[in-house]
N, C-alpha and C. Protein backbone atom coordinates (compact mmCIF):
# COMPACT_ATOMS: atom_id res chain seq x y z
N MET A 1 82.18 -55.90 159.37
CA MET A 1 81.04 -55.07 160.46
C MET A 1 82.17 -55.80 161.72
N ALA A 2 82.93 -56.85 161.13
CA ALA A 2 83.45 -57.53 162.52
C ALA A 2 85.16 -55.84 162.17
N PHE A 3 85.42 -56.08 161.05
CA PHE A 3 86.90 -55.73 160.57
C PHE A 3 86.58 -53.97 160.94
N MET A 4 85.26 -53.34 161.02
CA MET A 4 85.20 -51.86 161.24
C MET A 4 85.09 -51.98 162.62
N ILE A 5 85.02 -52.34 163.94
CA ILE A 5 84.83 -52.34 165.09
C ILE A 5 86.73 -52.67 165.39
N TYR A 6 87.82 -53.58 164.55
CA TYR A 6 89.23 -53.51 165.04
C TYR A 6 89.51 -52.75 164.36
N ASP A 7 88.64 -52.07 163.25
CA ASP A 7 89.83 -50.72 162.94
C ASP A 7 89.54 -49.10 163.78
N ILE A 8 88.48 -49.50 164.90
CA ILE A 8 88.08 -48.85 165.21
C ILE A 8 88.82 -48.69 166.63
N LEU A 9 88.93 -49.88 166.86
CA LEU A 9 89.82 -49.85 168.61
C LEU A 9 90.87 -50.16 168.02
N ARG A 10 91.61 -50.51 167.52
CA ARG A 10 93.01 -51.00 166.30
C ARG A 10 93.34 -48.57 166.59
N LEU A 11 92.25 -48.10 166.27
CA LEU A 11 92.49 -46.47 166.31
C LEU A 11 92.81 -45.82 168.06
N VAL A 12 92.50 -46.40 168.29
CA VAL A 12 91.68 -45.90 169.99
C VAL A 12 93.51 -46.02 170.12
N LEU A 13 93.90 -47.51 170.12
CA LEU A 13 94.69 -48.46 170.52
C LEU A 13 95.93 -47.39 170.36
N ASN A 14 96.04 -47.19 169.23
CA ASN A 14 96.99 -45.96 168.28
C ASN A 14 97.43 -45.14 169.52
N LEU A 15 96.43 -44.17 169.08
CA LEU A 15 95.47 -42.75 169.94
C LEU A 15 96.37 -43.40 171.45
N ALA A 16 96.28 -43.92 171.89
CA ALA A 16 96.42 -44.34 173.76
C ALA A 16 98.36 -43.71 173.42
N PHE A 17 98.39 -44.93 172.36
CA PHE A 17 100.72 -45.27 172.36
C PHE A 17 100.27 -43.88 172.57
N TYR A 18 99.49 -43.20 171.46
CA TYR A 18 101.34 -41.67 170.84
C TYR A 18 100.95 -40.81 171.88
N VAL A 19 98.99 -41.10 173.00
CA VAL A 19 99.00 -39.81 173.67
C VAL A 19 100.49 -40.46 174.92
N MET A 20 100.45 -42.26 175.61
CA MET A 20 101.82 -41.95 176.59
C MET A 20 102.49 -42.32 176.02
N ILE A 21 103.51 -42.23 175.29
CA ILE A 21 104.45 -41.49 174.37
C ILE A 21 105.34 -39.93 174.77
N ILE A 22 104.15 -39.27 174.16
CA ILE A 22 103.99 -38.00 174.61
C ILE A 22 104.62 -37.75 175.86
N GLN A 23 103.73 -38.23 176.46
CA GLN A 23 104.04 -38.08 178.27
C GLN A 23 105.30 -37.99 178.70
N ILE A 24 105.37 -39.51 178.06
CA ILE A 24 106.85 -40.31 178.39
C ILE A 24 107.82 -38.85 177.62
N ILE A 25 108.50 -38.65 177.13
CA ILE A 25 109.31 -38.05 176.60
C ILE A 25 109.20 -36.64 176.98
N MET A 26 108.01 -36.08 177.22
CA MET A 26 107.82 -34.87 178.23
C MET A 26 108.03 -35.03 179.44
N SER A 27 108.45 -35.51 180.63
CA SER A 27 108.44 -36.03 181.77
C SER A 27 109.95 -36.35 181.43
N TRP A 28 110.44 -36.64 180.72
CA TRP A 28 111.78 -36.66 180.19
C TRP A 28 112.36 -35.04 180.93
N LEU A 29 111.71 -34.56 178.96
CA LEU A 29 112.51 -33.13 179.19
C LEU A 29 112.63 -31.99 180.37
N LEU A 30 111.06 -32.54 180.85
CA LEU A 30 110.86 -31.65 182.30
C LEU A 30 111.69 -31.60 183.73
N ASN A 31 112.31 -32.96 183.28
CA ASN A 31 113.38 -33.85 184.17
C ASN A 31 114.45 -33.19 184.40
N PHE A 32 114.83 -33.22 183.17
CA PHE A 32 116.16 -32.40 182.60
C PHE A 32 115.69 -30.76 182.17
N ASN A 33 114.96 -30.01 182.60
CA ASN A 33 115.13 -28.51 182.44
C ASN A 33 115.20 -28.63 181.05
N VAL A 34 114.62 -28.89 179.90
CA VAL A 34 114.42 -28.80 178.41
C VAL A 34 113.72 -28.12 178.32
N LEU A 35 112.61 -28.26 178.22
CA LEU A 35 111.42 -27.54 179.14
C LEU A 35 110.77 -27.03 180.75
N ASN A 36 109.75 -25.44 180.58
CA ASN A 36 110.03 -25.43 181.68
C ASN A 36 109.01 -25.18 182.26
N TYR A 37 108.34 -25.93 183.22
CA TYR A 37 107.01 -25.87 183.82
C TYR A 37 106.32 -24.55 183.82
N GLY A 38 106.93 -23.92 183.82
CA GLY A 38 106.51 -22.21 184.58
C GLY A 38 105.80 -21.68 183.05
N GLN A 39 105.81 -22.37 181.50
CA GLN A 39 105.46 -22.20 180.58
C GLN A 39 104.00 -22.51 180.24
N PRO A 40 103.10 -21.56 180.12
CA PRO A 40 101.87 -21.62 180.65
C PRO A 40 100.89 -22.21 179.26
N PHE A 41 101.55 -22.90 177.80
CA PHE A 41 101.57 -24.01 177.15
C PHE A 41 102.13 -25.39 177.42
N VAL A 42 103.04 -25.30 178.23
CA VAL A 42 104.21 -26.26 179.21
C VAL A 42 102.52 -27.25 179.72
N ARG A 43 102.42 -26.19 181.11
CA ARG A 43 101.71 -26.34 182.56
C ARG A 43 99.65 -27.17 181.37
N GLY A 44 99.90 -26.59 181.31
CA GLY A 44 98.37 -27.20 180.57
C GLY A 44 98.50 -28.84 179.45
N LEU A 45 99.62 -28.77 178.81
CA LEU A 45 99.12 -29.55 178.42
C LEU A 45 99.57 -30.56 179.37
N TRP A 46 101.02 -30.00 179.63
CA TRP A 46 101.32 -31.47 180.97
C TRP A 46 100.35 -31.64 181.41
N ASP A 47 99.61 -31.04 182.32
CA ASP A 47 98.49 -31.79 183.29
C ASP A 47 96.77 -31.99 182.93
N GLY A 48 96.82 -31.69 181.19
CA GLY A 48 96.33 -32.12 180.48
C GLY A 48 96.09 -33.40 180.10
N LEU A 49 97.68 -34.36 180.61
CA LEU A 49 97.77 -35.27 179.48
C LEU A 49 98.35 -36.24 180.78
N ASN A 50 97.79 -35.64 182.69
CA ASN A 50 98.16 -36.77 183.43
C ASN A 50 96.73 -36.32 183.65
N ARG A 51 96.40 -35.24 183.69
CA ARG A 51 94.15 -36.25 183.74
C ARG A 51 93.59 -36.81 183.24
N LEU A 52 94.48 -37.23 181.69
CA LEU A 52 93.63 -38.28 180.96
C LEU A 52 94.72 -39.09 181.53
N LEU A 53 95.93 -39.73 181.69
CA LEU A 53 97.09 -40.75 181.91
C LEU A 53 95.86 -41.73 183.29
N GLU A 54 96.47 -40.91 183.97
CA GLU A 54 95.82 -40.87 185.76
C GLU A 54 94.51 -42.29 186.06
N PRO A 55 93.64 -42.18 185.78
CA PRO A 55 92.68 -43.30 185.38
C PRO A 55 93.73 -44.20 185.13
N VAL A 56 94.37 -44.20 184.34
CA VAL A 56 95.14 -45.97 183.77
C VAL A 56 96.59 -45.96 184.98
N TYR A 57 96.67 -45.00 185.42
CA TYR A 57 98.36 -45.06 185.86
C TYR A 57 97.18 -45.66 187.42
N ARG A 58 96.59 -45.10 187.96
CA ARG A 58 96.11 -45.43 189.08
C ARG A 58 95.84 -47.38 190.13
N PRO A 59 95.11 -47.82 188.86
CA PRO A 59 94.97 -49.20 189.33
C PRO A 59 96.03 -49.78 189.30
N ILE A 60 97.23 -49.65 188.10
CA ILE A 60 98.23 -50.28 188.17
C ILE A 60 99.59 -49.87 189.42
N ARG A 61 99.60 -48.53 190.00
CA ARG A 61 100.02 -48.32 191.02
C ARG A 61 99.45 -48.91 192.51
N SER A 62 98.54 -49.39 192.47
CA SER A 62 97.85 -49.55 193.15
C SER A 62 98.35 -51.05 193.32
N ILE A 63 99.00 -51.72 192.50
CA ILE A 63 99.05 -53.63 192.80
C ILE A 63 100.56 -53.44 192.94
N LEU A 64 101.46 -52.38 191.76
CA LEU A 64 102.62 -52.46 192.49
C LEU A 64 102.98 -52.22 193.98
N PRO A 65 104.95 -52.79 193.74
CA PRO A 65 105.05 -51.81 195.06
C PRO A 65 105.35 -51.02 195.12
N ASP A 66 105.88 -50.11 196.24
CA ASP A 66 106.86 -48.67 196.33
C ASP A 66 107.61 -48.59 195.88
N THR A 67 107.61 -48.14 194.93
CA THR A 67 108.96 -47.97 194.58
C THR A 67 109.24 -46.20 194.50
N ARG A 68 109.65 -46.16 195.69
CA ARG A 68 109.07 -44.29 195.34
C ARG A 68 109.81 -42.95 193.82
N PRO A 69 110.86 -43.00 193.83
CA PRO A 69 111.58 -41.93 193.16
C PRO A 69 111.58 -42.19 191.83
N LEU A 70 110.60 -43.98 191.85
CA LEU A 70 110.64 -44.09 189.84
C LEU A 70 109.77 -44.67 190.11
N ASP A 71 108.66 -44.43 189.05
CA ASP A 71 107.22 -44.38 188.84
C ASP A 71 107.34 -45.66 188.21
N LEU A 72 106.65 -46.61 188.60
CA LEU A 72 106.33 -48.14 186.94
C LEU A 72 105.44 -48.27 186.37
N ALA A 73 104.62 -47.35 186.63
CA ALA A 73 102.81 -47.81 186.09
C ALA A 73 102.62 -47.40 184.69
N PRO A 74 103.27 -46.52 183.95
CA PRO A 74 103.87 -45.98 182.58
C PRO A 74 104.39 -47.05 182.03
N LEU A 75 104.97 -47.42 182.63
CA LEU A 75 106.34 -48.70 181.76
C LEU A 75 105.28 -49.62 182.14
N VAL A 76 104.37 -50.27 182.69
CA VAL A 76 103.41 -51.21 182.59
C VAL A 76 102.47 -50.91 181.79
N ALA A 77 102.00 -50.11 182.13
CA ALA A 77 100.66 -49.31 181.22
C ALA A 77 101.12 -49.76 180.15
N PHE A 78 101.80 -49.54 179.27
CA PHE A 78 102.44 -49.09 178.12
C PHE A 78 102.53 -50.26 177.67
N VAL A 79 102.90 -51.56 177.89
CA VAL A 79 103.00 -52.70 177.41
C VAL A 79 102.05 -52.80 177.70
N ILE A 80 101.48 -53.35 178.99
CA ILE A 80 99.95 -53.94 178.49
C ILE A 80 99.18 -53.40 177.67
N LEU A 81 99.38 -51.98 177.12
CA LEU A 81 98.80 -51.34 175.79
C LEU A 81 99.28 -52.27 174.57
N ILE A 82 100.58 -52.12 173.81
CA ILE A 82 100.93 -52.52 173.68
C ILE A 82 101.03 -54.06 173.58
N ALA A 83 101.00 -54.93 174.20
CA ALA A 83 99.98 -56.08 174.11
C ALA A 83 98.35 -56.77 173.61
N LEU A 84 98.39 -55.54 174.20
CA LEU A 84 96.85 -55.49 173.64
C LEU A 84 95.97 -55.04 171.86
N ARG A 85 97.33 -53.44 171.89
CA ARG A 85 97.45 -53.04 170.33
C ARG A 85 98.19 -54.31 169.12
N ASP A 86 99.04 -55.27 169.72
CA ASP A 86 99.47 -56.09 168.53
C ASP A 86 99.79 -58.05 168.87
N ILE A 87 98.91 -57.90 170.19
CA ILE A 87 98.68 -59.29 170.25
C ILE A 87 97.28 -59.82 170.45
N VAL A 88 96.38 -59.35 171.57
CA VAL A 88 95.71 -59.44 171.90
C VAL A 88 94.43 -59.42 170.75
N LEU A 89 93.86 -57.57 169.83
CA LEU A 89 93.29 -57.72 169.36
C LEU A 89 93.16 -58.58 168.29
N PRO A 90 94.54 -58.74 167.71
CA PRO A 90 94.96 -58.95 165.94
C PRO A 90 94.13 -60.85 166.54
N THR A 91 93.71 -61.56 168.31
CA THR A 91 94.02 -62.57 167.48
C THR A 91 93.08 -62.48 168.02
N LEU A 92 92.10 -62.19 169.14
CA LEU A 92 89.87 -61.72 168.90
C LEU A 92 88.91 -61.78 167.59
N PHE A 93 89.15 -61.52 166.75
CA PHE A 93 89.40 -60.57 165.35
C PHE A 93 90.08 -61.85 164.04
N GLY A 94 90.82 -62.62 164.51
CA GLY A 94 91.15 -64.15 163.76
C GLY A 94 92.49 -63.71 162.35
N LEU A 95 93.38 -62.59 163.12
CA LEU A 95 94.15 -61.96 161.88
C LEU A 95 95.22 -62.40 162.42
N ARG A 96 95.33 -63.60 163.39
CA ARG A 96 96.99 -63.86 163.83
C ARG A 96 97.54 -65.38 163.17
């Protein structure tokens, strides 16, 4: 039973990892004008990713100092996610 819970939590964290990777890469592509925000598919995907991840970034932004042109919240969230997935979760389930 514990391994099934571990596998489900690991799956959720992996999914969040890839969603964040997609959003990070997409932000680069939008900033370098490789993708056009005016396209309906791009706009819908970008808005959906932001709605999904903004509740994660908002508390982190409230703690971090204001670095206006550079948003460090995705980087901090990404590092926390990797630590949870690769260190905390296996330790909790005795796999380390």
